[in-house]
Amino acid sequence: MNQGNAKIAVNARSRRTAISTCIKCGGQKFEIALTQQTGSASRLSLVQCASCGTPTEVIDPDLPIRANWFERLIVSIDNKLAALAKTMTGPN
């Protein structure tokens, strides 16, 4: 009978999901804001608390461009390696 109660207690626990919380005000709603550093032409996107404006993360807006460049570089290297492997194995 004691074991039955333990099973009920374990099953009764609620599952919790992590919720982001602002370290300054405790707010749980965030927004993306575009900002520019003083003396710089580049712009950055910030994730900030919607209640108090405390920044929590900086998002580099050029990241997709650089990721695309790296992807093209990897494809180019892969193609060159495949061509090299083909020349090393000789004609079929």
N, C-alpha and C. Protein backbone atom coordinates (compact mmCIF):
# COMPACT_ATOMS: atom_id res chain seq x y z
N MET A 1 0.82 -1.20 0.00
CA MET A 1 0.00 0.00 0.00
C MET A 1 0.87 1.26 0.00
N ASN A 2 1.99 1.18 0.65
CA ASN A 2 2.90 2.32 0.69
C ASN A 2 3.47 2.62 -0.69
N GLN A 3 3.78 1.56 -1.46
CA GLN A 3 4.34 1.77 -2.78
C GLN A 3 3.31 2.41 -3.72
N GLY A 4 2.06 2.08 -3.57
CA GLY A 4 1.01 2.68 -4.39
C GLY A 4 0.94 4.18 -4.18
N ASN A 5 1.08 4.63 -2.93
CA ASN A 5 1.07 6.06 -2.64
C ASN A 5 2.27 6.76 -3.27
N ALA A 6 3.43 6.11 -3.31
CA ALA A 6 4.63 6.70 -3.90
C ALA A 6 4.43 6.90 -5.40
N LYS A 7 3.80 5.93 -6.05
CA LYS A 7 3.55 6.06 -7.48
C LYS A 7 2.62 7.23 -7.76
N ILE A 8 1.61 7.41 -6.96
CA ILE A 8 0.68 8.53 -7.15
C ILE A 8 1.41 9.85 -6.96
N ALA A 9 2.28 9.92 -5.96
CA ALA A 9 3.01 11.16 -5.70
C ALA A 9 3.94 11.50 -6.88
N VAL A 10 4.59 10.51 -7.44
CA VAL A 10 5.48 10.74 -8.58
C VAL A 10 4.68 11.19 -9.79
N ASN A 11 3.56 10.56 -10.07
CA ASN A 11 2.74 10.91 -11.22
C ASN A 11 2.04 12.25 -11.04
N ALA A 12 1.85 12.69 -9.82
CA ALA A 12 1.14 13.94 -9.56
C ALA A 12 2.02 15.17 -9.77
N ARG A 13 3.36 14.97 -9.85
CA ARG A 13 4.25 16.12 -10.07
C ARG A 13 3.95 16.75 -11.42
N SER A 14 3.89 18.06 -11.41
CA SER A 14 3.65 18.75 -12.68
C SER A 14 4.98 18.93 -13.42
N ARG A 15 4.91 18.85 -14.73
CA ARG A 15 6.10 19.07 -15.54
C ARG A 15 6.21 20.56 -15.82
N ARG A 16 7.41 21.08 -15.65
CA ARG A 16 7.61 22.51 -15.83
C ARG A 16 8.48 22.78 -17.04
N THR A 17 8.17 23.85 -17.72
CA THR A 17 8.94 24.29 -18.86
C THR A 17 9.78 25.49 -18.42
N ALA A 18 11.01 25.57 -18.91
CA ALA A 18 11.85 26.71 -18.58
C ALA A 18 11.24 27.98 -19.15
N ILE A 19 11.21 29.02 -18.35
CA ILE A 19 10.66 30.31 -18.77
C ILE A 19 11.76 31.36 -18.59
N SER A 20 12.06 32.07 -19.65
CA SER A 20 13.06 33.14 -19.56
C SER A 20 12.51 34.26 -18.71
N THR A 21 13.38 34.77 -17.83
CA THR A 21 12.98 35.84 -16.91
C THR A 21 14.05 36.92 -16.90
N CYS A 22 13.65 38.16 -16.96
CA CYS A 22 14.58 39.29 -16.91
C CYS A 22 15.25 39.33 -15.54
N ILE A 23 16.57 39.51 -15.54
CA ILE A 23 17.29 39.52 -14.26
C ILE A 23 17.09 40.82 -13.49
N LYS A 24 16.61 41.86 -14.17
CA LYS A 24 16.43 43.15 -13.51
C LYS A 24 15.04 43.31 -12.90
N CYS A 25 13.99 43.04 -13.71
CA CYS A 25 12.63 43.32 -13.24
C CYS A 25 11.76 42.07 -13.08
N GLY A 26 12.26 40.91 -13.57
CA GLY A 26 11.47 39.68 -13.47
C GLY A 26 10.46 39.51 -14.58
N GLY A 27 10.47 40.40 -15.56
CA GLY A 27 9.54 40.31 -16.69
C GLY A 27 9.80 39.06 -17.52
N GLN A 28 8.77 38.60 -18.21
CA GLN A 28 8.89 37.37 -19.00
C GLN A 28 8.51 37.58 -20.46
N LYS A 29 8.46 38.84 -20.89
CA LYS A 29 8.19 39.15 -22.29
C LYS A 29 9.40 39.90 -22.83
N PHE A 30 9.83 39.50 -24.05
CA PHE A 30 11.02 40.08 -24.65
C PHE A 30 10.71 40.55 -26.05
N GLU A 31 11.53 41.47 -26.55
CA GLU A 31 11.36 42.02 -27.88
C GLU A 31 12.72 42.20 -28.53
N ILE A 32 12.72 42.34 -29.85
CA ILE A 32 13.96 42.60 -30.58
C ILE A 32 13.99 44.07 -30.94
N ALA A 33 15.11 44.73 -30.61
CA ALA A 33 15.28 46.14 -30.91
C ALA A 33 16.54 46.33 -31.74
N LEU A 34 16.48 47.23 -32.71
CA LEU A 34 17.62 47.53 -33.56
C LEU A 34 18.36 48.72 -32.96
N THR A 35 19.68 48.60 -32.81
CA THR A 35 20.47 49.68 -32.21
C THR A 35 21.74 49.89 -33.00
N GLN A 36 22.38 51.03 -32.77
CA GLN A 36 23.63 51.34 -33.46
C GLN A 36 24.62 51.86 -32.42
N GLN A 37 25.84 51.31 -32.46
CA GLN A 37 26.87 51.76 -31.52
C GLN A 37 27.28 53.18 -31.87
N THR A 38 27.63 53.96 -30.85
CA THR A 38 28.10 55.31 -31.07
C THR A 38 29.40 55.28 -31.86
N GLY A 39 29.47 56.04 -32.93
CA GLY A 39 30.67 56.11 -33.75
C GLY A 39 30.86 54.95 -34.70
N SER A 40 29.85 54.12 -34.88
CA SER A 40 29.96 52.96 -35.76
C SER A 40 28.81 52.99 -36.76
N ALA A 41 29.10 52.49 -37.96
CA ALA A 41 28.06 52.44 -38.99
C ALA A 41 27.26 51.15 -38.91
N SER A 42 27.78 50.14 -38.22
CA SER A 42 27.07 48.86 -38.15
C SER A 42 25.94 48.90 -37.14
N ARG A 43 24.91 48.15 -37.45
CA ARG A 43 23.74 48.08 -36.56
C ARG A 43 23.66 46.69 -35.97
N LEU A 44 23.13 46.60 -34.78
CA LEU A 44 22.98 45.33 -34.08
C LEU A 44 21.54 45.17 -33.65
N SER A 45 21.10 43.93 -33.57
CA SER A 45 19.78 43.63 -33.02
C SER A 45 19.97 43.14 -31.59
N LEU A 46 19.19 43.68 -30.70
CA LEU A 46 19.24 43.28 -29.30
C LEU A 46 17.95 42.59 -28.91
N VAL A 47 18.04 41.55 -28.12
CA VAL A 47 16.86 40.99 -27.47
C VAL A 47 16.82 41.68 -26.11
N GLN A 48 15.71 42.33 -25.83
CA GLN A 48 15.62 43.07 -24.58
C GLN A 48 14.29 42.82 -23.90
N CYS A 49 14.27 43.06 -22.59
CA CYS A 49 13.04 42.90 -21.81
C CYS A 49 12.03 43.93 -22.30
N ALA A 50 10.82 43.50 -22.56
CA ALA A 50 9.78 44.41 -23.05
C ALA A 50 9.31 45.36 -21.95
N SER A 51 9.53 44.99 -20.69
CA SER A 51 9.07 45.83 -19.58
C SER A 51 10.06 46.94 -19.24
N CYS A 52 11.35 46.58 -19.05
CA CYS A 52 12.32 47.56 -18.58
C CYS A 52 13.40 47.89 -19.60
N GLY A 53 13.49 47.14 -20.70
CA GLY A 53 14.47 47.43 -21.74
C GLY A 53 15.87 46.89 -21.49
N THR A 54 16.04 46.09 -20.46
CA THR A 54 17.36 45.52 -20.18
C THR A 54 17.74 44.55 -21.30
N PRO A 55 18.91 44.77 -21.95
CA PRO A 55 19.33 43.85 -23.01
C PRO A 55 19.75 42.50 -22.44
N THR A 56 19.38 41.44 -23.13
CA THR A 56 19.73 40.10 -22.68
C THR A 56 20.61 39.37 -23.67
N GLU A 57 20.59 39.79 -24.95
CA GLU A 57 21.35 39.09 -25.98
C GLU A 57 21.55 40.04 -27.16
N VAL A 58 22.70 39.90 -27.82
CA VAL A 58 22.98 40.65 -29.03
C VAL A 58 22.94 39.68 -30.20
N ILE A 59 22.22 40.05 -31.24
CA ILE A 59 22.12 39.22 -32.44
C ILE A 59 22.87 39.94 -33.55
N ASP A 60 23.83 39.27 -34.15
CA ASP A 60 24.60 39.85 -35.25
C ASP A 60 23.77 39.77 -36.52
N PRO A 61 23.39 40.93 -37.12
CA PRO A 61 22.54 40.88 -38.32
C PRO A 61 23.26 40.32 -39.54
N ASP A 62 24.60 40.29 -39.51
CA ASP A 62 25.36 39.75 -40.64
C ASP A 62 25.55 38.25 -40.57
N LEU A 63 25.08 37.62 -39.52
CA LEU A 63 25.27 36.18 -39.34
C LEU A 63 24.74 35.34 -40.50
N PRO A 64 23.53 35.60 -41.02
CA PRO A 64 23.06 34.80 -42.16
C PRO A 64 23.96 34.95 -43.39
N ILE A 65 24.50 36.15 -43.61
CA ILE A 65 25.38 36.37 -44.76
C ILE A 65 26.66 35.55 -44.60
N ARG A 66 27.24 35.59 -43.38
CA ARG A 66 28.47 34.82 -43.13
C ARG A 66 28.20 33.33 -43.19
N ALA A 67 27.07 32.90 -42.69
CA ALA A 67 26.73 31.47 -42.73
C ALA A 67 26.61 31.01 -44.18
N ASN A 68 26.01 31.83 -45.03
CA ASN A 68 25.87 31.51 -46.44
C ASN A 68 27.25 31.44 -47.10
N TRP A 69 28.15 32.36 -46.74
CA TRP A 69 29.50 32.36 -47.28
C TRP A 69 30.23 31.07 -46.89
N PHE A 70 30.11 30.68 -45.61
CA PHE A 70 30.76 29.44 -45.16
C PHE A 70 30.18 28.22 -45.87
N GLU A 71 28.88 28.22 -46.07
CA GLU A 71 28.25 27.10 -46.77
C GLU A 71 28.78 26.98 -48.20
N ARG A 72 28.89 28.11 -48.88
CA ARG A 72 29.45 28.09 -50.25
C ARG A 72 30.90 27.64 -50.25
N LEU A 73 31.67 28.05 -49.25
CA LEU A 73 33.06 27.64 -49.13
C LEU A 73 33.17 26.13 -48.93
N ILE A 74 32.34 25.58 -48.08
CA ILE A 74 32.36 24.14 -47.82
C ILE A 74 31.98 23.36 -49.07
N VAL A 75 30.97 23.83 -49.80
CA VAL A 75 30.57 23.17 -51.04
C VAL A 75 31.71 23.21 -52.05
N SER A 76 32.40 24.34 -52.14
CA SER A 76 33.53 24.47 -53.05
C SER A 76 34.66 23.51 -52.69
N ILE A 77 34.98 23.42 -51.41
CA ILE A 77 36.03 22.49 -50.95
C ILE A 77 35.61 21.06 -51.23
N ASP A 78 34.36 20.75 -50.98
CA ASP A 78 33.85 19.39 -51.22
C ASP A 78 33.96 19.03 -52.70
N ASN A 79 33.60 19.96 -53.58
CA ASN A 79 33.71 19.72 -55.03
C ASN A 79 35.15 19.49 -55.45
N LYS A 80 36.07 20.28 -54.90
CA LYS A 80 37.49 20.12 -55.23
C LYS A 80 38.03 18.79 -54.73
N LEU A 81 37.62 18.39 -53.54
CA LEU A 81 38.05 17.08 -53.01
C LEU A 81 37.49 15.94 -53.86
N ALA A 82 36.25 16.06 -54.32
CA ALA A 82 35.67 15.02 -55.16
C ALA A 82 36.40 14.93 -56.49
N ALA A 83 36.78 16.09 -57.06
CA ALA A 83 37.52 16.10 -58.33
C ALA A 83 38.91 15.49 -58.11
N LEU A 84 39.55 15.80 -57.00
CA LEU A 84 40.87 15.23 -56.69
C LEU A 84 40.78 13.72 -56.52
N ALA A 85 39.76 13.26 -55.81
CA ALA A 85 39.58 11.83 -55.60
C ALA A 85 39.35 11.12 -56.92
N LYS A 86 38.63 11.77 -57.81
CA LYS A 86 38.36 11.18 -59.13
C LYS A 86 39.65 11.02 -59.94
N THR A 87 40.51 12.02 -59.88
CA THR A 87 41.79 11.94 -60.62
C THR A 87 42.72 10.91 -60.00
N MET A 88 42.63 10.68 -58.71
CA MET A 88 43.49 9.71 -58.05
C MET A 88 43.06 8.26 -58.32
N THR A 89 41.78 8.07 -58.53
CA THR A 89 41.28 6.70 -58.79
C THR A 89 41.41 6.33 -60.23
N GLY A 90 41.62 7.31 -61.10
CA GLY A 90 41.80 7.02 -62.51
C GLY A 90 40.48 6.83 -63.23
N PRO A 91 40.54 6.66 -64.52
CA PRO A 91 39.30 6.47 -65.31
C PRO A 91 38.64 5.14 -64.99
N ASN A 92 37.34 5.11 -65.06
CA ASN A 92 36.60 3.88 -64.76
C ASN A 92 36.49 3.00 -65.95
